[in-house]
Amino acid sequence: MTSLLRSVAFAALAFATPSLAEDVTLRYLASQGGVAPHELAAALGYFDGTGIKLDNLGYAQGGPATLIALAGGSVDIGSAATPAVINSIAAGNDFVIAYPTNGINATVHSTFYVLPDSPIKEIKDIAGKTIAVNTLGAHLDYVVREALHSVSLPSDQANLVVVPGPQLEQVLRSKQVDLTAFGYWQQTFEGAALKNGELRPIFTDYQLLGEIAGGFTVLRRDWVEAHPQAAKDFVKQSARALDYAREHPEETKTLLAKILKDRNENPDLAQFFAGFGVRKGGLPVEHDLQFWIDVLTREGKLTEGQVKAADLLVVSASLSQTN
């Protein structure tokens, strides 16, 4: 049975009868300068009584690294940009989509900056230029491709270099790169950089993509099948934390500062948090996936009909159902 057909069969059977809460530990990799919804849920006490405990194993350079760790069994939670998640599932990894980790809207988005005196004025000018991004093969990589495509240029005309989040501002101000991209999940680094002096925005992913989920938290199917109630509790409470962040922005910043401090990161970064950008209820819609499926098909990474958004959303819908 293919992975997508198993999604349908699993959704129909796995949650027919709720099971009792059990003690489970979910291992994960954190993102420097950022806090995941499940980390916020834990700080809010939302997992109390569910048996769920989180175990932070360290930091990931980017989302694809968490997917590799998830596939290898060294972590239980993956989180990556939508194109990376789709590519990973299409490559044969038996992952299920849990919920949108974050999203893009008019307030929360990724921005590509240059220095004030840069000759770069618009998207067409990025051809042949060097752009700092946090990782390759993920959201910013594909946004650059889509930006070039939008002005009828080949999608591989920019040179992307990997730079850790804390150094994104430095490499731009020292002119080691032509542009720096702050992802929607790197608002804290972006805010700190703008506080240090002017940077000029060239474009955002919101201009190109509109309102859309930026990435997804994913779980291994075998883990979900082994812990169906824990999987539902994990999704429900993480989505609840997404709503809390939207409804209580200042209280959320206080919690994020504490989480960052406990990680020995700079808690002052929390003041620049602008939200997760996810729709109310933390629920994905078909467009969140179909947009990128169409892009990956256009680029030859997927064959026509190889992956269907509706199939990928089946288990996500089941996990988000109330008990």
C-alpha atoms as a PDB file:
ATOM      1  CA  MET A   1       0.000   0.000   0.000  1.00  0.00           C
ATOM      2  CA  THR A   2       1.444   3.380  -0.970  1.00  0.00           C
ATOM      3  CA  SER A   3       2.139   6.059   1.622  1.00  0.00           C
ATOM      4  CA  LEU A   4      -0.742   8.216   0.410  1.00  0.00           C
ATOM      5  CA  LEU A   5      -3.238   5.348   0.376  1.00  0.00           C
ATOM      6  CA  ARG A   6      -2.101   4.423   3.861  1.00  0.00           C
ATOM      7  CA  SER A   7      -2.939   8.006   4.901  1.00  0.00           C
ATOM      8  CA  VAL A   8      -6.552   7.405   3.943  1.00  0.00           C
ATOM      9  CA  ALA A   9      -6.738   3.965   5.554  1.00  0.00           C
ATOM     10  CA  PHE A  10      -5.028   5.160   8.720  1.00  0.00           C
ATOM     11  CA  ALA A  11      -7.311   8.157   9.077  1.00  0.00           C
ATOM     12  CA  ALA A  12     -10.352   5.931   8.850  1.00  0.00           C
ATOM     13  CA  LEU A  13      -9.166   3.397  11.411  1.00  0.00           C
ATOM     14  CA  ALA A  14      -6.585   4.787  13.785  1.00  0.00           C
ATOM     15  CA  PHE A  15      -8.827   7.222  15.588  1.00  0.00           C
ATOM     16  CA  ALA A  16     -12.048   5.261  15.688  1.00  0.00           C
ATOM     17  CA  THR A  17     -11.697   4.720  19.438  1.00  0.00           C
ATOM     18  CA  PRO A  18      -9.729   7.160  21.631  1.00  0.00           C
ATOM     19  CA  SER A  19      -7.071   5.533  23.771  1.00  0.00           C
ATOM     20  CA  LEU A  20      -5.985   6.514  27.263  1.00  0.00           C
ATOM     21  CA  ALA A  21      -3.188   9.015  27.814  1.00  0.00           C
ATOM     22  CA  GLU A  22       0.268   7.475  28.110  1.00  0.00           C
ATOM     23  CA  ASP A  23       3.671   8.754  29.106  1.00  0.00           C
ATOM     24  CA  VAL A  24       5.609   9.627  25.967  1.00  0.00           C
ATOM     25  CA  THR A  25       8.684  11.743  25.321  1.00  0.00           C
ATOM     26  CA  LEU A  26       9.044  13.566  22.018  1.00  0.00           C
ATOM     27  CA  ARG A  27      12.585  14.438  21.060  1.00  0.00           C
ATOM     28  CA  TYR A  28      13.164  17.458  18.827  1.00  0.00           C
ATOM     29  CA  LEU A  29      15.715  19.954  17.544  1.00  0.00           C
ATOM     30  CA  ALA A  30      15.213  23.642  18.267  1.00  0.00           C
ATOM     31  CA  SER A  31      15.721  26.620  15.968  1.00  0.00           C
ATOM     32  CA  GLN A  32      18.118  29.362  17.075  1.00  0.00           C
ATOM     33  CA  GLY A  33      16.283  32.553  17.937  1.00  0.00           C
ATOM     34  CA  GLY A  34      12.899  30.951  17.415  1.00  0.00           C
ATOM     35  CA  VAL A  35      10.396  29.018  19.484  1.00  0.00           C
ATOM     36  CA  ALA A  36       8.170  26.272  18.072  1.00  0.00           C
ATOM     37  CA  PRO A  37       4.455  26.077  18.914  1.00  0.00           C
ATOM     38  CA  HIS A  38       5.004  22.845  20.834  1.00  0.00           C
ATOM     39  CA  GLU A  39       7.645  24.574  22.967  1.00  0.00           C
ATOM     40  CA  LEU A  40       5.194  27.367  23.716  1.00  0.00           C
ATOM     41  CA  ALA A  41       2.488  24.793  24.508  1.00  0.00           C
ATOM     42  CA  ALA A  42       4.798  23.149  27.029  1.00  0.00           C
ATOM     43  CA  ALA A  43       5.622  26.510  28.632  1.00  0.00           C
ATOM     44  CA  LEU A  44       1.902  27.236  28.938  1.00  0.00           C
ATOM     45  CA  GLY A  45       1.325  23.891  30.666  1.00  0.00           C
ATOM     46  CA  TYR A  46      -0.905  22.637  27.869  1.00  0.00           C
ATOM     47  CA  PHE A  47       0.673  19.180  27.914  1.00  0.00           C
ATOM     48  CA  ASP A  48       0.058  18.733  31.641  1.00  0.00           C
ATOM     49  CA  GLY A  49      -2.059  15.635  32.187  1.00  0.00           C
ATOM     50  CA  THR A  50      -1.488  14.322  28.672  1.00  0.00           C
ATOM     51  CA  GLY A  51       1.626  12.304  29.517  1.00  0.00           C
ATOM     52  CA  ILE A  52       3.594  14.231  26.876  1.00  0.00           C
ATOM     53  CA  LYS A  53       7.087  15.467  27.664  1.00  0.00           C
ATOM     54  CA  LEU A  54       9.439  17.284  25.280  1.00  0.00           C
ATOM     55  CA  ASP A  55      13.182  16.659  25.055  1.00  0.00           C
ATOM     56  CA  ASN A  56      15.285  19.286  23.266  1.00  0.00           C
ATOM     57  CA  LEU A  57      18.348  17.567  21.786  1.00  0.00           C
ATOM     58  CA  GLY A  58      19.991  20.742  20.519  1.00  0.00           C
ATOM     59  CA  TYR A  59      19.763  22.927  17.437  1.00  0.00           C
ATOM     60  CA  ALA A  60      19.078  22.258  13.778  1.00  0.00           C
ATOM     61  CA  GLN A  61      20.678  24.352  11.039  1.00  0.00           C
ATOM     62  CA  GLY A  62      17.379  24.313   9.176  1.00  0.00           C
ATOM     63  CA  GLY A  63      14.173  22.400   8.588  1.00  0.00           C
ATOM     64  CA  PRO A  64      15.603  19.767   6.211  1.00  0.00           C
ATOM     65  CA  ALA A  65      18.033  18.725   8.965  1.00  0.00           C
ATOM     66  CA  THR A  66      15.087  17.944  11.251  1.00  0.00           C
ATOM     67  CA  LEU A  67      13.494  15.820   8.517  1.00  0.00           C
ATOM     68  CA  ILE A  68      16.699  13.840   8.104  1.00  0.00           C
ATOM     69  CA  ALA A  69      16.840  13.296  11.865  1.00  0.00           C
ATOM     70  CA  LEU A  70      13.160  12.306  11.910  1.00  0.00           C
ATOM     71  CA  ALA A  71      13.641   9.798   9.101  1.00  0.00           C
ATOM     72  CA  GLY A  72      16.627   8.312  10.915  1.00  0.00           C
ATOM     73  CA  GLY A  73      14.713   7.972  14.170  1.00  0.00           C
ATOM     74  CA  SER A  74      16.920  10.256  16.246  1.00  0.00           C
ATOM     75  CA  VAL A  75      14.048  12.713  16.833  1.00  0.00           C
ATOM     76  CA  ASP A  76      10.262  12.362  16.975  1.00  0.00           C
ATOM     77  CA  ILE A  77       9.257  15.805  15.680  1.00  0.00           C
ATOM     78  CA  GLY A  78      10.276  17.333  12.380  1.00  0.00           C
ATOM     79  CA  SER A  79       9.523  20.837  11.204  1.00  0.00           C
ATOM     80  CA  ALA A  80      10.361  22.264   7.815  1.00  0.00           C
ATOM     81  CA  ALA A  81       9.200  24.494   5.000  1.00  0.00           C
ATOM     82  CA  THR A  82       6.405  23.091   2.877  1.00  0.00           C
ATOM     83  CA  PRO A  83       8.530  22.299  -0.226  1.00  0.00           C
ATOM     84  CA  ALA A  84      11.023  20.381   1.912  1.00  0.00           C
ATOM     85  CA  VAL A  85       8.224  18.403   3.579  1.00  0.00           C
ATOM     86  CA  ILE A  86       6.620  17.531   0.239  1.00  0.00           C
ATOM     87  CA  ASN A  87       9.955  16.524  -1.278  1.00  0.00           C
ATOM     88  CA  SER A  88      10.729  14.355   1.732  1.00  0.00           C
ATOM     89  CA  ILE A  89       7.391  12.515   1.569  1.00  0.00           C
ATOM     90  CA  ALA A  90       7.655  12.128  -2.207  1.00  0.00           C
ATOM     91  CA  ALA A  91      11.111  10.594  -1.719  1.00  0.00           C
ATOM     92  CA  GLY A  92       9.551   7.814   0.349  1.00  0.00           C
ATOM     93  CA  ASN A  93       9.715   9.043   3.938  1.00  0.00           C
ATOM     94  CA  ASP A  94       6.593   7.883   5.748  1.00  0.00           C
ATOM     95  CA  PHE A  95       5.739  11.156   7.460  1.00  0.00           C
ATOM     96  CA  VAL A  96       2.350  12.612   8.299  1.00  0.00           C
ATOM     97  CA  ILE A  97       1.564  16.306   8.466  1.00  0.00           C
ATOM     98  CA  ALA A  98       0.549  17.354  11.969  1.00  0.00           C
ATOM     99  CA  TYR A  99      -0.166  21.087  11.713  1.00  0.00           C
ATOM    100  CA  PRO A 100       1.239  24.300  10.144  1.00  0.00           C
ATOM    101  CA  THR A 101       4.193  25.376  12.248  1.00  0.00           C
ATOM    102  CA  ASN A 102       3.975  28.924  10.996  1.00  0.00           C
ATOM    103  CA  GLY A 103       2.540  30.928   8.141  1.00  0.00           C
ATOM    104  CA  ILE A 104       2.890  33.922   5.896  1.00  0.00           C
ATOM    105  CA  ASN A 105       0.566  36.904   5.935  1.00  0.00           C
ATOM    106  CA  ALA A 106       0.701  40.696   5.802  1.00  0.00           C
ATOM    107  CA  THR A 107       2.289  40.831   9.265  1.00  0.00           C
ATOM    108  CA  VAL A 108       4.464  37.705   9.377  1.00  0.00           C
ATOM    109  CA  HIS A 109       6.629  37.072   6.326  1.00  0.00           C
ATOM    110  CA  SER A 110      10.159  36.605   5.035  1.00  0.00           C
ATOM    111  CA  THR A 111      11.998  39.672   3.734  1.00  0.00           C
ATOM    112  CA  PHE A 112      15.008  39.981   1.434  1.00  0.00           C
ATOM    113  CA  TYR A 113      17.161  42.974   2.369  1.00  0.00           C
ATOM    114  CA  VAL A 114      20.073  44.890   0.864  1.00  0.00           C
ATOM    115  CA  LEU A 115      22.221  47.705   2.211  1.00  0.00           C
ATOM    116  CA  PRO A 116      20.786  51.202   1.662  1.00  0.00           C
ATOM    117  CA  ASP A 117      23.308  52.058  -1.084  1.00  0.00           C
ATOM    118  CA  SER A 118      22.940  48.769  -2.991  1.00  0.00           C
ATOM    119  CA  PRO A 119      22.295  49.001  -6.748  1.00  0.00           C
ATOM    120  CA  ILE A 120      19.691  46.234  -6.364  1.00  0.00           C
ATOM    121  CA  LYS A 121      16.256  47.815  -6.700  1.00  0.00           C
ATOM    122  CA  GLU A 122      13.854  45.032  -7.710  1.00  0.00           C
ATOM    123  CA  ILE A 123      13.558  41.289  -8.171  1.00  0.00           C
ATOM    124  CA  LYS A 124      15.130  41.170 -11.633  1.00  0.00           C
ATOM    125  CA  ASP A 125      18.304  42.661 -10.156  1.00  0.00           C
ATOM    126  CA  ILE A 126      18.962  39.615  -7.941  1.00  0.00           C
ATOM    127  CA  ALA A 127      20.070  37.538 -10.942  1.00  0.00           C
ATOM    128  CA  GLY A 128      23.752  36.738 -10.512  1.00  0.00           C
ATOM    129  CA  LYS A 129      23.798  38.074  -6.967  1.00  0.00           C
ATOM    130  CA  THR A 130      24.709  36.271  -3.729  1.00  0.00           C
ATOM    131  CA  ILE A 131      21.947  35.787  -1.174  1.00  0.00           C
ATOM    132  CA  ALA A 132      22.406  34.616   2.427  1.00  0.00           C
ATOM    133  CA  VAL A 133      19.794  32.078   3.578  1.00  0.00           C
ATOM    134  CA  ASN A 134      19.656  29.786   6.589  1.00  0.00           C
ATOM    135  CA  THR A 135      19.653  26.537   4.603  1.00  0.00           C
ATOM    136  CA  LEU A 136      19.266  25.141   1.107  1.00  0.00           C
ATOM    137  CA  GLY A 137      16.351  23.129  -0.220  1.00  0.00           C
ATOM    138  CA  ALA A 138      13.815  24.819   2.035  1.00  0.00           C
ATOM    139  CA  HIS A 139      11.501  27.833   2.029  1.00  0.00           C
ATOM    140  CA  LEU A 140      13.856  30.689   1.173  1.00  0.00           C
ATOM    141  CA  ASP A 141      15.526  28.640  -1.544  1.00  0.00           C
ATOM    142  CA  TYR A 142      12.185  28.070  -3.252  1.00  0.00           C
ATOM    143  CA  VAL A 143      11.024  31.647  -2.707  1.00  0.00           C
ATOM    144  CA  VAL A 144      14.091  32.864  -4.605  1.00  0.00           C
ATOM    145  CA  ARG A 145      13.260  30.433  -7.416  1.00  0.00           C
ATOM    146  CA  GLU A 146       9.669  31.632  -7.493  1.00  0.00           C
ATOM    147  CA  ALA A 147      10.791  35.281  -7.436  1.00  0.00           C
ATOM    148  CA  LEU A 148      13.011  34.769 -10.479  1.00  0.00           C
ATOM    149  CA  HIS A 149      10.267  32.817 -12.243  1.00  0.00           C
ATOM    150  CA  SER A 150       7.846  35.705 -11.580  1.00  0.00           C
ATOM    151  CA  VAL A 151      10.014  38.014 -13.729  1.00  0.00           C
ATOM    152  CA  SER A 152      10.604  35.369 -16.414  1.00  0.00           C
ATOM    153  CA  LEU A 153      14.180  34.586 -15.397  1.00  0.00           C
ATOM    154  CA  PRO A 154      15.658  31.089 -14.932  1.00  0.00           C
ATOM    155  CA  SER A 155      15.081  29.954 -11.355  1.00  0.00           C
ATOM    156  CA  ASP A 156      18.755  29.130 -10.772  1.00  0.00           C
ATOM    157  CA  GLN A 157      20.149  32.585 -11.568  1.00  0.00           C
ATOM    158  CA  ALA A 158      20.953  33.591  -7.974  1.00  0.00           C
ATOM    159  CA  ASN A 159      23.762  32.245  -5.817  1.00  0.00           C
ATOM    160  CA  LEU A 160      22.545  31.109  -2.382  1.00  0.00           C
ATOM    161  CA  VAL A 161      24.955  30.696   0.507  1.00  0.00           C
ATOM    162  CA  VAL A 162      24.129  29.164   3.891  1.00  0.00           C
ATOM    163  CA  VAL A 163      24.555  31.485   6.876  1.00  0.00           C
ATOM    164  CA  PRO A 164      23.337  30.762  10.442  1.00  0.00           C
ATOM    165  CA  GLY A 165      20.588  33.065  11.694  1.00  0.00           C
ATOM    166  CA  PRO A 166      22.745  34.986  14.199  1.00  0.00           C
ATOM    167  CA  GLN A 167      25.190  35.957  11.400  1.00  0.00           C
ATOM    168  CA  LEU A 168      22.687  37.022   8.708  1.00  0.00           C
ATOM    169  CA  GLU A 169      22.999  40.719   9.522  1.00  0.00           C
ATOM    170  CA  GLN A 170      26.783  40.594   9.837  1.00  0.00           C
ATOM    171  CA  VAL A 171      27.444  39.082   6.403  1.00  0.00           C
ATOM    172  CA  LEU A 172      25.259  41.720   4.737  1.00  0.00           C
ATOM    173  CA  ARG A 173      26.699  44.734   6.571  1.00  0.00           C
ATOM    174  CA  SER A 174      30.243  43.488   5.862  1.00  0.00           C
ATOM    175  CA  LYS A 175      29.299  43.113   2.163  1.00  0.00           C
ATOM    176  CA  GLN A 176      30.130  39.423   2.033  1.00  0.00           C
ATOM    177  CA  VAL A 177      26.745  38.931   0.337  1.00  0.00           C
ATOM    178  CA  ASP A 178      24.497  41.132  -1.791  1.00  0.00           C
ATOM    179  CA  LEU A 179      21.249  40.282  -0.013  1.00  0.00           C
ATOM    180  CA  THR A 180      20.260  38.677   3.256  1.00  0.00           C
ATOM    181  CA  ALA A 181      16.977  36.834   3.693  1.00  0.00           C
ATOM    182  CA  PHE A 182      15.326  36.766   7.087  1.00  0.00           C
ATOM    183  CA  GLY A 183      12.776  33.957   7.115  1.00  0.00           C
ATOM    184  CA  TYR A 184       9.350  34.437   8.661  1.00  0.00           C
ATOM    185  CA  TRP A 185      10.585  32.271  11.552  1.00  0.00           C
ATOM    186  CA  GLN A 186      13.587  34.603  12.061  1.00  0.00           C
ATOM    187  CA  GLN A 187      11.671  37.743  13.017  1.00  0.00           C
ATOM    188  CA  THR A 188      13.771  38.057  16.160  1.00  0.00           C
ATOM    189  CA  PHE A 189      17.027  38.313  14.181  1.00  0.00           C
ATOM    190  CA  GLU A 190      15.377  40.639  11.656  1.00  0.00           C
ATOM    191  CA  GLY A 191      14.117  42.967  14.381  1.00  0.00           C
ATOM    192  CA  ALA A 192      17.525  43.135  16.017  1.00  0.00           C
ATOM    193  CA  ALA A 193      19.181  43.876  12.669  1.00  0.00           C
ATOM    194  CA  LEU A 194      16.805  46.737  11.843  1.00  0.00           C
ATOM    195  CA  LYS A 195      17.355  48.203  15.291  1.00  0.00           C
ATOM    196  CA  ASN A 196      21.073  48.389  14.469  1.00  0.00           C
ATOM    197  CA  GLY A 197      20.583  50.487  11.331  1.00  0.00           C
ATOM    198  CA  GLU A 198      18.725  50.819   8.059  1.00  0.00           C
ATOM    199  CA  LEU A 199      18.352  47.913   5.661  1.00  0.00           C
ATOM    200  CA  ARG A 200      16.335  48.248   2.451  1.00  0.00           C
ATOM    201  CA  PRO A 201      13.752  45.565   1.618  1.00  0.00           C
ATOM    202  CA  ILE A 202      13.595  44.319  -1.982  1.00  0.00           C
ATOM    203  CA  PHE A 203      10.726  41.832  -1.756  1.00  0.00           C
ATOM    204  CA  THR A 204       8.874  39.526   0.605  1.00  0.00           C
ATOM    205  CA  ASP A 205       7.471  36.047   0.235  1.00  0.00           C
ATOM    206  CA  TYR A 206       4.009  37.469   1.026  1.00  0.00           C
ATOM    207  CA  GLN A 207       4.209  39.536  -2.176  1.00  0.00           C
ATOM    208  CA  LEU A 208       4.859  36.354  -4.156  1.00  0.00           C
ATOM    209  CA  LEU A 209       2.801  33.741  -2.320  1.00  0.00           C
ATOM    210  CA  GLY A 210       0.021  35.598  -0.545  1.00  0.00           C
ATOM    211  CA  GLU A 211      -1.414  34.152   2.655  1.00  0.00           C
ATOM    212  CA  ILE A 212      -0.186  30.581   2.945  1.00  0.00           C
ATOM    213  CA  ALA A 213       1.294  28.183   5.486  1.00  0.00           C
ATOM    214  CA  GLY A 214       5.046  28.520   5.486  1.00  0.00           C
ATOM    215  CA  GLY A 215       5.941  25.137   6.923  1.00  0.00           C
ATOM    216  CA  PHE A 216       4.650  22.128   8.785  1.00  0.00           C
ATOM    217  CA  THR A 217       5.390  20.079  11.849  1.00  0.00           C
ATOM    218  CA  VAL A 218       5.518  16.435  10.839  1.00  0.00           C
ATOM    219  CA  LEU A 219       5.606  13.123  12.685  1.00  0.00           C
ATOM    220  CA  ARG A 220       6.608   9.627  11.631  1.00  0.00           C
ATOM    221  CA  ARG A 221       3.629   7.481  10.784  1.00  0.00           C
ATOM    222  CA  ASP A 222       4.885   4.559  12.873  1.00  0.00           C
ATOM    223  CA  TRP A 223       5.061   6.850  15.926  1.00  0.00           C
ATOM    224  CA  VAL A 224       1.516   8.122  15.350  1.00  0.00           C
ATOM    225  CA  GLU A 225       0.220   4.578  14.924  1.00  0.00           C
ATOM    226  CA  ALA A 226       1.955   3.508  18.142  1.00  0.00           C
ATOM    227  CA  HIS A 227       0.726   6.552  20.119  1.00  0.00           C
ATOM    228  CA  PRO A 228      -2.584   7.677  18.576  1.00  0.00           C
ATOM    229  CA  GLN A 229      -3.896   9.562  21.608  1.00  0.00           C
ATOM    230  CA  ALA A 230      -0.567  11.250  22.289  1.00  0.00           C
ATOM    231  CA  ALA A 231      -0.431  12.300  18.636  1.00  0.00           C
ATOM    232  CA  LYS A 232      -3.870  13.891  18.889  1.00  0.00           C
ATOM    233  CA  ASP A 233      -2.983  15.615  22.170  1.00  0.00           C
ATOM    234  CA  PHE A 234       0.270  16.899  20.702  1.00  0.00           C
ATOM    235  CA  VAL A 235      -1.488  18.456  17.706  1.00  0.00           C
ATOM    236  CA  LYS A 236      -4.434  19.800  19.694  1.00  0.00           C
ATOM    237  CA  GLN A 237      -2.317  21.511  22.338  1.00  0.00           C
ATOM    238  CA  SER A 238       0.255  22.856  19.863  1.00  0.00           C
ATOM    239  CA  ALA A 239      -2.561  24.387  17.798  1.00  0.00           C
ATOM    240  CA  ARG A 240      -3.991  25.800  21.024  1.00  0.00           C
ATOM    241  CA  ALA A 241      -0.632  27.495  21.635  1.00  0.00           C
ATOM    242  CA  LEU A 242      -0.768  29.010  18.137  1.00  0.00           C
ATOM    243  CA  ASP A 243      -4.100  30.610  19.023  1.00  0.00           C
ATOM    244  CA  TYR A 244      -2.753  31.799  22.384  1.00  0.00           C
ATOM    245  CA  ALA A 245       0.133  33.582  20.649  1.00  0.00           C
ATOM    246  CA  ARG A 246      -2.312  35.388  18.362  1.00  0.00           C
ATOM    247  CA  GLU A 247      -4.632  36.410  21.198  1.00  0.00           C
ATOM    248  CA  HIS A 248      -1.957  37.270  23.803  1.00  0.00           C
ATOM    249  CA  PRO A 249       1.053  38.729  21.960  1.00  0.00           C
ATOM    250  CA  GLU A 250       2.687  40.495  24.896  1.00  0.00           C
ATOM    251  CA  GLU A 251       2.317  37.543  27.275  1.00  0.00           C
ATOM    252  CA  THR A 252       3.741  35.336  24.523  1.00  0.00           C
ATOM    253  CA  LYS A 253       6.812  37.542  24.202  1.00  0.00           C
ATOM    254  CA  THR A 254       7.402  37.164  27.944  1.00  0.00           C
ATOM    255  CA  LEU A 255       7.234  33.383  27.658  1.00  0.00           C
ATOM    256  CA  LEU A 256       9.493  33.352  24.606  1.00  0.00           C
ATOM    257  CA  ALA A 257      12.073  35.439  26.456  1.00  0.00           C
ATOM    258  CA  LYS A 258      12.105  32.880  29.265  1.00  0.00           C
ATOM    259  CA  ILE A 259      12.474  29.982  26.822  1.00  0.00           C
ATOM    260  CA  LEU A 260      15.349  31.705  25.027  1.00  0.00           C
ATOM    261  CA  LYS A 261      17.049  32.534  28.335  1.00  0.00           C
ATOM    262  CA  ASP A 262      16.724  28.909  29.470  1.00  0.00           C
ATOM    263  CA  ARG A 263      18.465  27.910  26.222  1.00  0.00           C
ATOM    264  CA  ASN A 264      21.276  30.393  26.952  1.00  0.00           C
ATOM    265  CA  GLU A 265      20.163  32.545  24.026  1.00  0.00           C
ATOM    266  CA  ASN A 266      19.501  36.279  24.077  1.00  0.00           C
ATOM    267  CA  PRO A 267      16.063  36.809  25.674  1.00  0.00           C
ATOM    268  CA  ASP A 268      15.912  40.381  24.303  1.00  0.00           C
ATOM    269  CA  LEU A 269      15.192  38.898  20.873  1.00  0.00           C
ATOM    270  CA  ALA A 270      11.696  37.973  22.040  1.00  0.00           C
ATOM    271  CA  GLN A 271      10.570  41.602  21.778  1.00  0.00           C
ATOM    272  CA  PHE A 272      10.689  41.306  17.988  1.00  0.00           C
ATOM    273  CA  PHE A 273       8.360  38.281  17.779  1.00  0.00           C
ATOM    274  CA  ALA A 274       5.413  39.204  15.517  1.00  0.00           C
ATOM    275  CA  GLY A 275       3.435  35.970  15.726  1.00  0.00           C
ATOM    276  CA  PHE A 276       3.334  32.583  14.035  1.00  0.00           C
ATOM    277  CA  GLY A 277       1.166  33.771  11.141  1.00  0.00           C
ATOM    278  CA  VAL A 278      -1.061  30.676  11.222  1.00  0.00           C
ATOM    279  CA  ARG A 279      -4.834  30.739  10.714  1.00  0.00           C
ATOM    280  CA  LYS A 280      -7.129  30.462  13.713  1.00  0.00           C
ATOM    281  CA  GLY A 281      -7.317  26.887  14.961  1.00  0.00           C
ATOM    282  CA  GLY A 282      -3.955  25.989  13.449  1.00  0.00           C
ATOM    283  CA  LEU A 283      -5.609  24.161  10.558  1.00  0.00           C
ATOM    284  CA  PRO A 284      -4.067  23.805   7.085  1.00  0.00           C
ATOM    285  CA  VAL A 285      -5.988  24.214   3.852  1.00  0.00           C
ATOM    286  CA  GLU A 286      -5.379  22.565   0.495  1.00  0.00           C
ATOM    287  CA  HIS A 287      -3.789  25.689  -1.025  1.00  0.00           C
ATOM    288  CA  ASP A 288      -1.002  25.558   1.580  1.00  0.00           C
ATOM    289  CA  LEU A 289       0.269  22.389  -0.068  1.00  0.00           C
ATOM    290  CA  GLN A 290      -1.068  22.571  -3.613  1.00  0.00           C
ATOM    291  CA  PHE A 291       0.780  25.788  -4.421  1.00  0.00           C
ATOM    292  CA  TRP A 292       4.132  24.133  -3.790  1.00  0.00           C
ATOM    293  CA  ILE A 293       3.103  20.828  -5.378  1.00  0.00           C
ATOM    294  CA  ASP A 294       2.429  22.806  -8.567  1.00  0.00           C
ATOM    295  CA  VAL A 295       5.807  24.567  -8.311  1.00  0.00           C
ATOM    296  CA  LEU A 296       7.694  21.310  -7.724  1.00  0.00           C
ATOM    297  CA  THR A 297       5.848  19.693 -10.622  1.00  0.00           C
ATOM    298  CA  ARG A 298       6.700  22.635 -12.866  1.00  0.00           C
ATOM    299  CA  GLU A 299      10.369  22.275 -11.935  1.00  0.00           C
ATOM    300  CA  GLY A 300      10.372  18.540 -12.597  1.00  0.00           C
ATOM    301  CA  LYS A 301      10.907  17.558  -8.944  1.00  0.00           C
ATOM    302  CA  LEU A 302       7.525  15.786  -8.929  1.00  0.00           C
ATOM    303  CA  THR A 303       5.614  14.054 -11.687  1.00  0.00           C
ATOM    304  CA  GLU A 304       2.052  15.106 -12.445  1.00  0.00           C
ATOM    305  CA  GLY A 305      -0.276  13.625  -9.808  1.00  0.00           C
ATOM    306  CA  GLN A 306       2.560  12.076  -7.789  1.00  0.00           C
ATOM    307  CA  VAL A 307       1.480  13.914  -4.629  1.00  0.00           C
ATOM    308  CA  LYS A 308      -1.997  15.208  -3.882  1.00  0.00           C
ATOM    309  CA  ALA A 309      -2.657  17.866  -1.269  1.00  0.00           C
ATOM    310  CA  ALA A 310      -5.946  16.310  -0.198  1.00  0.00           C
ATOM    311  CA  ASP A 311      -4.220  13.013   0.576  1.00  0.00           C
ATOM    312  CA  LEU A 312      -1.568  14.694   2.701  1.00  0.00           C
ATOM    313  CA  LEU A 313      -4.224  16.517   4.707  1.00  0.00           C
ATOM    314  CA  VAL A 314      -6.231  13.403   5.633  1.00  0.00           C
ATOM    315  CA  VAL A 315      -4.255  12.444   8.717  1.00  0.00           C
ATOM    316  CA  SER A 316      -3.792  16.078   9.729  1.00  0.00           C
ATOM    317  CA  ALA A 317      -7.575  16.463   9.807  1.00  0.00           C
ATOM    318  CA  SER A 318      -7.956  13.324  11.914  1.00  0.00           C
ATOM    319  CA  LEU A 319      -5.283  14.414  14.380  1.00  0.00           C
ATOM    320  CA  SER A 320      -6.987  17.765  14.888  1.00  0.00           C
ATOM    321  CA  GLN A 321     -10.407  16.273  15.665  1.00  0.00           C
ATOM    322  CA  THR A 322     -11.528  16.682  19.244  1.00  0.00           C
ATOM    323  CA  ASN A 323     -11.845  13.553  21.365  1.00  0.00           C
END
